Amino acid sequence: MRKIYYLKTCSTCQRILKSLPNLDTFELQDIKTEPMTVKQVDEMAKMAGSYEVLFSKRATLYKEMGLKDEKLTEADFKRYILEHYTFLSRPVIITDGKIFVGNSPKTVQAAIEFLSK
């Protein structure tokens, strides 16, 4: 499976997508217009090692809802990701049994290098 979960309206996601080689071989899912399913989020968490890895603590709602002051469990991370797309650390790139989560320069570079092989 070659899939990218992203936000079409996010300039950072757009910039990263443009930098990826062989983008045309991926299925793209705009998580705002096509919400993620429980199965999809479960599969991502299994590959990433936890729901917390998928969770964006930089999301505006994270601070607005006071979540930064709470002790969140894996079940909480999963629930929030499923409730609102903004809680997914984007983009999530899945290819050849490997997952790359988020937009840190290190993660993006690792994805580009992996896809360039």
N, C-alpha and C. Protein backbone atom coordinates (compact mmCIF):
# COMPACT_ATOMS: atom_id res chain seq x y z
N MET A 1 0.84 -1.18 0.00
CA MET A 1 0.00 0.00 0.00
C MET A 1 0.89 1.25 0.00
N ARG A 2 0.54 2.18 -0.85
CA ARG A 2 1.24 3.47 -0.90
C ARG A 2 0.16 4.55 -0.74
N LYS A 3 0.17 5.16 0.43
CA LYS A 3 -0.90 6.11 0.73
C LYS A 3 -0.36 7.29 1.51
N ILE A 4 -0.98 8.45 1.27
CA ILE A 4 -0.61 9.64 2.03
C ILE A 4 -1.89 10.27 2.57
N TYR A 5 -1.90 10.45 3.88
CA TYR A 5 -2.99 11.17 4.55
C TYR A 5 -2.48 12.61 4.73
N TYR A 6 -3.24 13.55 4.24
CA TYR A 6 -2.79 14.93 4.27
C TYR A 6 -3.98 15.87 4.32
N LEU A 7 -3.69 17.15 4.37
CA LEU A 7 -4.72 18.18 4.36
C LEU A 7 -4.47 19.06 3.14
N LYS A 8 -5.42 19.06 2.23
CA LYS A 8 -5.29 19.78 0.96
C LYS A 8 -5.07 21.27 1.17
N THR A 9 -5.66 21.82 2.23
CA THR A 9 -5.57 23.26 2.49
C THR A 9 -4.31 23.65 3.27
N CYS A 10 -3.48 22.69 3.61
CA CYS A 10 -2.27 22.96 4.40
C CYS A 10 -1.08 23.21 3.47
N SER A 11 -0.52 24.41 3.55
CA SER A 11 0.60 24.75 2.66
C SER A 11 1.83 23.89 2.96
N THR A 12 2.02 23.51 4.21
CA THR A 12 3.15 22.64 4.55
C THR A 12 2.99 21.27 3.89
N CYS A 13 1.79 20.71 3.96
CA CYS A 13 1.53 19.42 3.29
C CYS A 13 1.77 19.54 1.79
N GLN A 14 1.29 20.61 1.19
CA GLN A 14 1.45 20.81 -0.25
C GLN A 14 2.93 20.89 -0.62
N ARG A 15 3.71 21.61 0.17
CA ARG A 15 5.15 21.75 -0.09
C ARG A 15 5.84 20.40 0.00
N ILE A 16 5.48 19.61 1.02
CA ILE A 16 6.08 18.29 1.20
C ILE A 16 5.70 17.36 0.05
N LEU A 17 4.44 17.37 -0.35
CA LEU A 17 4.00 16.51 -1.45
C LEU A 17 4.78 16.82 -2.72
N LYS A 18 5.03 18.10 -2.98
CA LYS A 18 5.78 18.49 -4.19
C LYS A 18 7.22 17.98 -4.15
N SER A 19 7.75 17.76 -2.96
CA SER A 19 9.14 17.32 -2.84
C SER A 19 9.30 15.80 -2.93
N LEU A 20 8.19 15.06 -2.90
CA LEU A 20 8.27 13.60 -2.90
C LEU A 20 8.41 13.04 -4.31
N PRO A 21 9.35 12.11 -4.49
CA PRO A 21 9.47 11.46 -5.79
C PRO A 21 8.34 10.45 -5.99
N ASN A 22 7.94 10.24 -7.23
CA ASN A 22 6.92 9.23 -7.57
C ASN A 22 5.59 9.45 -6.88
N LEU A 23 5.19 10.69 -6.69
CA LEU A 23 3.93 11.00 -6.00
C LEU A 23 2.74 10.37 -6.71
N ASP A 24 2.83 10.23 -8.02
CA ASP A 24 1.73 9.67 -8.79
C ASP A 24 1.45 8.19 -8.49
N THR A 25 2.36 7.54 -7.74
CA THR A 25 2.15 6.14 -7.38
C THR A 25 1.42 6.00 -6.04
N PHE A 26 1.07 7.13 -5.42
CA PHE A 26 0.40 7.12 -4.12
C PHE A 26 -1.09 7.42 -4.24
N GLU A 27 -1.85 6.83 -3.33
CA GLU A 27 -3.24 7.21 -3.17
C GLU A 27 -3.23 8.33 -2.14
N LEU A 28 -3.83 9.47 -2.49
CA LEU A 28 -3.88 10.61 -1.58
C LEU A 28 -5.26 10.70 -0.93
N GLN A 29 -5.27 10.90 0.38
CA GLN A 29 -6.54 11.06 1.08
C GLN A 29 -6.53 12.37 1.86
N ASP A 30 -7.36 13.32 1.39
CA ASP A 30 -7.52 14.59 2.09
C ASP A 30 -8.43 14.31 3.30
N ILE A 31 -7.85 14.36 4.49
CA ILE A 31 -8.57 13.92 5.68
C ILE A 31 -9.69 14.88 6.11
N LYS A 32 -9.74 16.05 5.49
CA LYS A 32 -10.83 16.97 5.80
C LYS A 32 -12.08 16.60 5.01
N THR A 33 -11.92 16.23 3.75
CA THR A 33 -13.07 15.90 2.91
C THR A 33 -13.39 14.41 2.95
N GLU A 34 -12.42 13.58 3.31
CA GLU A 34 -12.62 12.14 3.41
C GLU A 34 -12.06 11.67 4.76
N PRO A 35 -12.89 11.76 5.81
CA PRO A 35 -12.41 11.42 7.15
C PRO A 35 -11.81 10.00 7.24
N MET A 36 -10.85 9.88 8.14
CA MET A 36 -10.21 8.59 8.36
C MET A 36 -11.17 7.65 9.08
N THR A 37 -11.05 6.38 8.78
CA THR A 37 -11.87 5.37 9.45
C THR A 37 -11.11 4.86 10.68
N VAL A 38 -11.83 4.19 11.55
CA VAL A 38 -11.21 3.58 12.73
C VAL A 38 -10.14 2.60 12.27
N LYS A 39 -10.45 1.82 11.25
CA LYS A 39 -9.49 0.82 10.74
C LYS A 39 -8.21 1.50 10.25
N GLN A 40 -8.36 2.60 9.52
CA GLN A 40 -7.18 3.31 9.01
C GLN A 40 -6.31 3.84 10.15
N VAL A 41 -6.94 4.45 11.15
CA VAL A 41 -6.19 5.00 12.28
C VAL A 41 -5.53 3.87 13.06
N ASP A 42 -6.22 2.75 13.24
CA ASP A 42 -5.64 1.60 13.93
C ASP A 42 -4.42 1.07 13.18
N GLU A 43 -4.52 0.99 11.85
CA GLU A 43 -3.39 0.50 11.05
C GLU A 43 -2.19 1.44 11.15
N MET A 44 -2.47 2.74 11.10
CA MET A 44 -1.37 3.72 11.23
C MET A 44 -0.70 3.60 12.59
N ALA A 45 -1.50 3.48 13.65
CA ALA A 45 -0.95 3.38 15.00
C ALA A 45 -0.13 2.11 15.16
N LYS A 46 -0.59 1.02 14.57
CA LYS A 46 0.16 -0.24 14.65
C LYS A 46 1.53 -0.08 13.99
N MET A 47 1.54 0.58 12.83
CA MET A 47 2.81 0.79 12.12
C MET A 47 3.72 1.78 12.85
N ALA A 48 3.12 2.82 13.42
CA ALA A 48 3.90 3.88 14.09
C ALA A 48 4.33 3.49 15.50
N GLY A 49 3.63 2.54 16.09
CA GLY A 49 3.97 2.10 17.44
C GLY A 49 3.05 2.61 18.53
N SER A 50 2.27 3.66 18.22
CA SER A 50 1.31 4.17 19.20
C SER A 50 0.42 5.23 18.55
N TYR A 51 -0.67 5.53 19.22
CA TYR A 51 -1.55 6.61 18.76
C TYR A 51 -0.91 7.96 19.07
N GLU A 52 -0.14 8.01 20.14
CA GLU A 52 0.50 9.27 20.53
C GLU A 52 1.46 9.76 19.44
N VAL A 53 2.14 8.84 18.77
CA VAL A 53 3.05 9.22 17.69
C VAL A 53 2.29 9.94 16.57
N LEU A 54 1.04 9.53 16.35
CA LEU A 54 0.21 10.12 15.29
C LEU A 54 -0.42 11.44 15.71
N PHE A 55 -0.43 11.72 16.99
CA PHE A 55 -1.15 12.87 17.55
C PHE A 55 -0.32 14.14 17.46
N SER A 56 -0.95 15.21 16.98
CA SER A 56 -0.27 16.50 16.87
C SER A 56 -0.53 17.34 18.12
N LYS A 57 0.51 17.56 18.87
CA LYS A 57 0.40 18.42 20.05
C LYS A 57 0.56 19.88 19.67
N ARG A 58 0.74 20.14 18.37
CA ARG A 58 0.84 21.51 17.89
C ARG A 58 -0.50 22.03 17.37
N ALA A 59 -1.51 21.17 17.37
CA ALA A 59 -2.84 21.56 16.90
C ALA A 59 -3.42 22.65 17.80
N THR A 60 -4.05 23.63 17.18
CA THR A 60 -4.65 24.74 17.93
C THR A 60 -5.67 24.21 18.95
N LEU A 61 -6.46 23.23 18.53
CA LEU A 61 -7.48 22.67 19.44
C LEU A 61 -6.86 22.02 20.67
N TYR A 62 -5.65 21.53 20.55
CA TYR A 62 -4.96 20.90 21.68
C TYR A 62 -4.85 21.88 22.84
N LYS A 63 -4.49 23.10 22.52
CA LYS A 63 -4.37 24.14 23.55
C LYS A 63 -5.74 24.68 23.94
N GLU A 64 -6.59 24.93 22.93
CA GLU A 64 -7.92 25.50 23.20
C GLU A 64 -8.76 24.61 24.11
N MET A 65 -8.64 23.31 23.94
CA MET A 65 -9.43 22.37 24.74
C MET A 65 -8.77 22.05 26.08
N GLY A 66 -7.60 22.62 26.33
CA GLY A 66 -6.90 22.38 27.59
C GLY A 66 -6.29 21.00 27.69
N LEU A 67 -6.10 20.35 26.56
CA LEU A 67 -5.57 18.98 26.58
C LEU A 67 -4.11 18.94 27.01
N LYS A 68 -3.40 20.04 26.81
CA LYS A 68 -1.98 20.06 27.19
C LYS A 68 -1.81 19.94 28.70
N ASP A 69 -2.87 20.24 29.44
CA ASP A 69 -2.81 20.16 30.90
C ASP A 69 -3.34 18.83 31.43
N GLU A 70 -3.75 17.95 30.53
CA GLU A 70 -4.29 16.66 30.94
C GLU A 70 -3.29 15.54 30.65
N LYS A 71 -3.44 14.45 31.35
CA LYS A 71 -2.63 13.25 31.09
C LYS A 71 -3.45 12.37 30.16
N LEU A 72 -3.10 12.39 28.88
CA LEU A 72 -3.87 11.63 27.89
C LEU A 72 -3.36 10.20 27.76
N THR A 73 -4.30 9.28 27.57
CA THR A 73 -3.97 7.87 27.37
C THR A 73 -3.99 7.56 25.88
N GLU A 74 -3.56 6.37 25.52
CA GLU A 74 -3.60 5.95 24.12
C GLU A 74 -5.04 6.00 23.59
N ALA A 75 -6.00 5.61 24.43
CA ALA A 75 -7.42 5.66 24.02
C ALA A 75 -7.84 7.10 23.76
N ASP A 76 -7.35 8.04 24.57
CA ASP A 76 -7.66 9.45 24.36
C ASP A 76 -7.09 9.95 23.03
N PHE A 77 -5.83 9.61 22.77
CA PHE A 77 -5.20 10.04 21.52
C PHE A 77 -5.99 9.52 20.32
N LYS A 78 -6.38 8.26 20.37
CA LYS A 78 -7.14 7.66 19.28
C LYS A 78 -8.48 8.38 19.10
N ARG A 79 -9.17 8.59 20.20
CA ARG A 79 -10.49 9.23 20.15
C ARG A 79 -10.40 10.63 19.55
N TYR A 80 -9.43 11.42 19.98
CA TYR A 80 -9.29 12.79 19.47
C TYR A 80 -8.91 12.80 17.99
N ILE A 81 -8.04 11.90 17.57
CA ILE A 81 -7.66 11.82 16.16
C ILE A 81 -8.89 11.51 15.31
N LEU A 82 -9.72 10.61 15.79
CA LEU A 82 -10.93 10.23 15.05
C LEU A 82 -12.00 11.33 15.10
N GLU A 83 -12.04 12.08 16.18
CA GLU A 83 -13.04 13.14 16.33
C GLU A 83 -12.76 14.34 15.43
N HIS A 84 -11.48 14.70 15.27
CA HIS A 84 -11.15 15.89 14.48
C HIS A 84 -9.82 15.70 13.76
N TYR A 85 -9.85 15.89 12.46
CA TYR A 85 -8.67 15.67 11.62
C TYR A 85 -7.46 16.50 12.04
N THR A 86 -7.68 17.63 12.70
CA THR A 86 -6.57 18.49 13.07
C THR A 86 -5.60 17.83 14.04
N PHE A 87 -6.06 16.79 14.73
CA PHE A 87 -5.20 16.12 15.71
C PHE A 87 -4.23 15.12 15.08
N LEU A 88 -4.36 14.85 13.79
CA LEU A 88 -3.41 13.95 13.14
C LEU A 88 -2.18 14.76 12.74
N SER A 89 -1.02 14.27 13.12
CA SER A 89 0.23 14.90 12.72
C SER A 89 0.42 14.61 11.23
N ARG A 90 0.44 15.66 10.42
CA ARG A 90 0.41 15.48 8.97
C ARG A 90 1.71 15.94 8.33
N PRO A 91 1.96 15.38 7.16
CA PRO A 91 1.28 14.27 6.50
C PRO A 91 1.72 12.93 7.08
N VAL A 92 0.93 11.90 6.79
CA VAL A 92 1.32 10.53 7.13
C VAL A 92 1.54 9.83 5.79
N ILE A 93 2.76 9.37 5.60
CA ILE A 93 3.15 8.69 4.36
C ILE A 93 3.37 7.22 4.67
N ILE A 94 2.64 6.38 3.96
CA ILE A 94 2.77 4.93 4.15
C ILE A 94 3.22 4.32 2.83
N THR A 95 4.32 3.60 2.87
CA THR A 95 4.83 2.96 1.67
C THR A 95 5.68 1.75 2.02
N ASP A 96 5.48 0.68 1.29
CA ASP A 96 6.31 -0.52 1.43
C ASP A 96 6.50 -0.94 2.89
N GLY A 97 5.41 -0.93 3.66
CA GLY A 97 5.47 -1.38 5.05
C GLY A 97 6.14 -0.39 6.01
N LYS A 98 6.42 0.82 5.54
CA LYS A 98 7.07 1.83 6.37
C LYS A 98 6.14 3.03 6.50
N ILE A 99 6.24 3.73 7.64
CA ILE A 99 5.39 4.90 7.88
C ILE A 99 6.25 6.09 8.29
N PHE A 100 5.89 7.25 7.76
CA PHE A 100 6.55 8.50 8.10
C PHE A 100 5.45 9.45 8.57
N VAL A 101 5.59 9.95 9.80
CA VAL A 101 4.53 10.76 10.41
C VAL A 101 5.04 12.16 10.71
N GLY A 102 4.32 13.15 10.18
CA GLY A 102 4.61 14.53 10.52
C GLY A 102 5.46 15.25 9.50
N ASN A 103 5.76 16.50 9.82
CA ASN A 103 6.44 17.37 8.86
C ASN A 103 7.78 17.90 9.35
N SER A 104 8.38 17.22 10.33
CA SER A 104 9.70 17.67 10.76
C SER A 104 10.68 17.46 9.61
N PRO A 105 11.66 18.34 9.48
CA PRO A 105 12.62 18.20 8.39
C PRO A 105 13.29 16.82 8.35
N LYS A 106 13.56 16.27 9.53
CA LYS A 106 14.20 14.95 9.61
C LYS A 106 13.28 13.86 9.04
N THR A 107 12.00 13.91 9.38
CA THR A 107 11.03 12.93 8.89
C THR A 107 10.84 13.06 7.38
N VAL A 108 10.70 14.28 6.92
CA VAL A 108 10.50 14.52 5.48
C VAL A 108 11.71 14.04 4.69
N GLN A 109 12.91 14.35 5.19
CA GLN A 109 14.13 13.93 4.50
C GLN A 109 14.24 12.41 4.47
N ALA A 110 13.88 11.75 5.57
CA ALA A 110 13.91 10.28 5.62
C ALA A 110 12.94 9.69 4.60
N ALA A 111 11.77 10.29 4.48
CA ALA A 111 10.78 9.81 3.51
C ALA A 111 11.29 9.98 2.08
N ILE A 112 11.87 11.15 1.79
CA ILE A 112 12.40 11.41 0.44
C ILE A 112 13.51 10.41 0.11
N GLU A 113 14.41 10.19 1.06
CA GLU A 113 15.51 9.25 0.83
C GLU A 113 14.98 7.84 0.62
N PHE A 114 14.02 7.42 1.42
CA PHE A 114 13.44 6.09 1.29
C PHE A 114 12.77 5.92 -0.07
N LEU A 115 12.03 6.93 -0.50
CA LEU A 115 11.30 6.86 -1.77
C LEU A 115 12.22 7.00 -2.98
N SER A 116 13.41 7.51 -2.77
CA SER A 116 14.34 7.69 -3.89
C SER A 116 15.16 6.44 -4.18
N LYS A 117 15.06 5.45 -3.33
CA LYS A 117 15.84 4.20 -3.51
C LYS A 117 15.32 3.43 -4.70
